[in-house]
Amino acid sequence: MIPQDAALAIARARAQEKGWAFGEPVAIVLRRAWTGGKSRYEIETNAGHLGTKAVFVVDAETGAIISEGYIPR
């Protein structure tokens, strides 16, 4: 399993690649697989605030980005 800071670095690099803002504070949650699923990190920028947000789901085993989204507000 990749560490939390590695998942954050992967998300930050993707945001920079796409030209998306990566605002603080950042919330990161590890969702562990129950049976047969994949564990994943869910990352949200500008957490708990209104405005621009980037959201990423990163596979906790491989570091692959499962999904991503951006709200340019």
N, C-alpha and C. Protein backbone atom coordinates (compact mmCIF):
# COMPACT_ATOMS: atom_id res chain seq x y z
N MET A 1 0.85 -1.18 0.00
CA MET A 1 0.00 0.00 0.00
C MET A 1 0.89 1.24 0.00
N ILE A 2 0.53 2.22 -0.82
CA ILE A 2 1.30 3.46 -0.87
C ILE A 2 0.96 4.31 0.36
N PRO A 3 1.92 5.10 0.85
CA PRO A 3 1.63 5.97 1.99
C PRO A 3 0.74 7.16 1.59
N GLN A 4 0.14 7.76 2.58
CA GLN A 4 -0.78 8.88 2.38
C GLN A 4 -0.10 10.04 1.67
N ASP A 5 1.13 10.37 2.04
CA ASP A 5 1.81 11.50 1.41
C ASP A 5 2.12 11.23 -0.06
N ALA A 6 2.31 9.96 -0.44
CA ALA A 6 2.52 9.63 -1.85
C ALA A 6 1.23 9.83 -2.65
N ALA A 7 0.10 9.45 -2.08
CA ALA A 7 -1.19 9.66 -2.75
C ALA A 7 -1.45 11.15 -2.94
N LEU A 8 -1.10 11.93 -1.94
CA LEU A 8 -1.26 13.38 -2.03
C LEU A 8 -0.38 13.96 -3.12
N ALA A 9 0.85 13.48 -3.23
CA ALA A 9 1.77 13.94 -4.27
C ALA A 9 1.26 13.58 -5.67
N ILE A 10 0.67 12.40 -5.80
CA ILE A 10 0.09 11.98 -7.09
C ILE A 10 -1.05 12.91 -7.49
N ALA A 11 -1.93 13.22 -6.54
CA ALA A 11 -3.05 14.12 -6.81
C ALA A 11 -2.57 15.52 -7.14
N ARG A 12 -1.59 16.01 -6.39
CA ARG A 12 -1.06 17.35 -6.63
C ARG A 12 -0.43 17.45 -8.03
N ALA A 13 0.30 16.41 -8.43
CA ALA A 13 0.93 16.40 -9.76
C ALA A 13 -0.13 16.39 -10.86
N ARG A 14 -1.21 15.62 -10.69
CA ARG A 14 -2.28 15.59 -11.70
C ARG A 14 -2.97 16.94 -11.80
N ALA A 15 -3.21 17.58 -10.66
CA ALA A 15 -3.84 18.90 -10.66
C ALA A 15 -2.96 19.91 -11.41
N GLN A 16 -1.67 19.86 -11.16
CA GLN A 16 -0.75 20.77 -11.84
C GLN A 16 -0.73 20.49 -13.34
N GLU A 17 -0.74 19.22 -13.70
CA GLU A 17 -0.75 18.81 -15.11
C GLU A 17 -1.98 19.36 -15.84
N LYS A 18 -3.12 19.39 -15.17
CA LYS A 18 -4.37 19.86 -15.76
C LYS A 18 -4.60 21.35 -15.59
N GLY A 19 -3.74 22.02 -14.82
CA GLY A 19 -3.90 23.45 -14.59
C GLY A 19 -4.96 23.77 -13.55
N TRP A 20 -5.27 22.81 -12.68
CA TRP A 20 -6.26 22.99 -11.63
C TRP A 20 -5.63 23.56 -10.37
N ALA A 21 -6.37 24.40 -9.67
CA ALA A 21 -5.91 24.92 -8.38
C ALA A 21 -5.90 23.78 -7.36
N PHE A 22 -4.93 23.80 -6.47
CA PHE A 22 -4.81 22.79 -5.42
C PHE A 22 -4.72 23.52 -4.09
N GLY A 23 -5.90 24.04 -3.63
CA GLY A 23 -5.94 24.90 -2.45
C GLY A 23 -5.96 24.14 -1.14
N GLU A 24 -5.44 24.80 -0.14
CA GLU A 24 -5.46 24.27 1.23
C GLU A 24 -6.72 24.74 1.91
N PRO A 25 -7.25 24.06 2.89
CA PRO A 25 -6.77 22.80 3.46
C PRO A 25 -7.17 21.61 2.59
N VAL A 26 -6.41 20.54 2.73
CA VAL A 26 -6.65 19.32 1.98
C VAL A 26 -7.12 18.23 2.95
N ALA A 27 -8.20 17.55 2.59
CA ALA A 27 -8.70 16.42 3.38
C ALA A 27 -8.36 15.14 2.62
N ILE A 28 -7.80 14.17 3.33
CA ILE A 28 -7.49 12.88 2.72
C ILE A 28 -7.99 11.78 3.64
N VAL A 29 -8.75 10.86 3.06
CA VAL A 29 -9.36 9.77 3.83
C VAL A 29 -9.02 8.45 3.15
N LEU A 30 -8.57 7.48 3.94
CA LEU A 30 -8.32 6.14 3.42
C LEU A 30 -9.59 5.31 3.61
N ARG A 31 -10.13 4.81 2.51
CA ARG A 31 -11.29 3.93 2.54
C ARG A 31 -10.78 2.51 2.31
N ARG A 32 -10.81 1.70 3.34
CA ARG A 32 -10.32 0.33 3.24
C ARG A 32 -11.37 -0.57 2.60
N ALA A 33 -10.90 -1.49 1.74
CA ALA A 33 -11.80 -2.44 1.08
C ALA A 33 -12.32 -3.44 2.10
N TRP A 34 -13.56 -3.81 1.96
CA TRP A 34 -14.14 -4.80 2.86
C TRP A 34 -13.88 -6.21 2.36
N THR A 35 -14.44 -6.54 1.23
CA THR A 35 -14.24 -7.88 0.68
C THR A 35 -14.05 -7.80 -0.82
N GLY A 36 -12.87 -8.09 -1.26
CA GLY A 36 -12.60 -8.14 -2.68
C GLY A 36 -12.49 -6.82 -3.40
N GLY A 37 -12.79 -5.72 -2.73
CA GLY A 37 -12.70 -4.41 -3.36
C GLY A 37 -11.29 -3.84 -3.25
N LYS A 38 -11.13 -2.62 -3.69
CA LYS A 38 -9.83 -1.95 -3.63
C LYS A 38 -9.87 -0.88 -2.55
N SER A 39 -8.80 -0.80 -1.78
CA SER A 39 -8.66 0.31 -0.84
C SER A 39 -8.31 1.54 -1.65
N ARG A 40 -8.76 2.71 -1.19
CA ARG A 40 -8.52 3.92 -1.96
C ARG A 40 -8.38 5.13 -1.04
N TYR A 41 -7.69 6.12 -1.53
CA TYR A 41 -7.60 7.41 -0.86
C TYR A 41 -8.56 8.36 -1.55
N GLU A 42 -9.35 9.07 -0.77
CA GLU A 42 -10.22 10.12 -1.30
C GLU A 42 -9.63 11.45 -0.87
N ILE A 43 -9.32 12.30 -1.83
CA ILE A 43 -8.63 13.56 -1.57
C ILE A 43 -9.50 14.71 -2.06
N GLU A 44 -9.70 15.71 -1.20
CA GLU A 44 -10.49 16.89 -1.54
C GLU A 44 -9.69 18.13 -1.15
N THR A 45 -9.52 19.05 -2.09
CA THR A 45 -8.84 20.31 -1.79
C THR A 45 -9.86 21.35 -1.33
N ASN A 46 -9.38 22.37 -0.66
CA ASN A 46 -10.24 23.43 -0.13
C ASN A 46 -11.36 22.81 0.72
N ALA A 47 -10.99 21.81 1.48
CA ALA A 47 -11.96 21.00 2.24
C ALA A 47 -12.69 21.84 3.29
N GLY A 48 -13.99 21.67 3.34
CA GLY A 48 -14.80 22.36 4.33
C GLY A 48 -15.09 23.81 4.01
N HIS A 49 -14.74 24.26 2.82
CA HIS A 49 -14.94 25.65 2.42
C HIS A 49 -15.68 25.72 1.09
N LEU A 50 -16.30 26.83 0.84
CA LEU A 50 -16.92 27.08 -0.46
C LEU A 50 -15.86 27.52 -1.45
N GLY A 51 -16.10 27.27 -2.70
CA GLY A 51 -15.18 27.74 -3.73
C GLY A 51 -14.57 26.61 -4.52
N THR A 52 -13.48 26.92 -5.20
CA THR A 52 -12.80 25.98 -6.09
C THR A 52 -12.38 24.72 -5.34
N LYS A 53 -12.66 23.57 -5.94
CA LYS A 53 -12.29 22.29 -5.35
C LYS A 53 -11.78 21.35 -6.42
N ALA A 54 -10.80 20.55 -6.05
CA ALA A 54 -10.37 19.41 -6.86
C ALA A 54 -10.58 18.17 -6.00
N VAL A 55 -11.11 17.12 -6.61
CA VAL A 55 -11.40 15.88 -5.89
C VAL A 55 -10.76 14.73 -6.65
N PHE A 56 -10.05 13.88 -5.92
CA PHE A 56 -9.37 12.74 -6.53
C PHE A 56 -9.65 11.48 -5.72
N VAL A 57 -9.72 10.36 -6.42
CA VAL A 57 -9.75 9.05 -5.78
C VAL A 57 -8.55 8.28 -6.33
N VAL A 58 -7.66 7.87 -5.41
CA VAL A 58 -6.40 7.23 -5.79
C VAL A 58 -6.39 5.81 -5.23
N ASP A 59 -6.07 4.84 -6.08
CA ASP A 59 -5.95 3.45 -5.65
C ASP A 59 -4.81 3.34 -4.64
N ALA A 60 -5.11 2.80 -3.47
CA ALA A 60 -4.12 2.73 -2.38
C ALA A 60 -3.05 1.67 -2.62
N GLU A 61 -3.30 0.74 -3.53
CA GLU A 61 -2.32 -0.30 -3.82
C GLU A 61 -1.35 0.11 -4.93
N THR A 62 -1.89 0.69 -6.00
CA THR A 62 -1.07 0.98 -7.18
C THR A 62 -0.71 2.45 -7.34
N GLY A 63 -1.48 3.34 -6.74
CA GLY A 63 -1.27 4.77 -6.92
C GLY A 63 -1.94 5.32 -8.17
N ALA A 64 -2.72 4.48 -8.85
CA ALA A 64 -3.43 4.93 -10.05
C ALA A 64 -4.61 5.82 -9.65
N ILE A 65 -4.86 6.83 -10.45
CA ILE A 65 -6.01 7.70 -10.21
C ILE A 65 -7.26 7.02 -10.76
N ILE A 66 -8.21 6.74 -9.88
CA ILE A 66 -9.44 6.06 -10.26
C ILE A 66 -10.44 7.06 -10.82
N SER A 67 -10.56 8.21 -10.17
CA SER A 67 -11.44 9.26 -10.68
C SER A 67 -10.92 10.61 -10.22
N GLU A 68 -11.36 11.65 -10.91
CA GLU A 68 -10.94 13.01 -10.60
C GLU A 68 -12.03 13.97 -11.04
N GLY A 69 -12.07 15.11 -10.39
CA GLY A 69 -13.06 16.12 -10.75
C GLY A 69 -12.62 17.49 -10.29
N TYR A 70 -13.18 18.52 -10.90
CA TYR A 70 -12.78 19.89 -10.58
C TYR A 70 -14.01 20.80 -10.62
N ILE A 71 -14.14 21.63 -9.61
CA ILE A 71 -15.22 22.61 -9.55
C ILE A 71 -14.57 23.98 -9.58
N PRO A 72 -14.54 24.69 -10.72
CA PRO A 72 -13.87 25.99 -10.82
C PRO A 72 -14.81 27.12 -10.44
N ARG A 73 -14.93 27.37 -9.19
CA ARG A 73 -15.93 28.33 -8.74
C ARG A 73 -15.34 29.67 -8.46
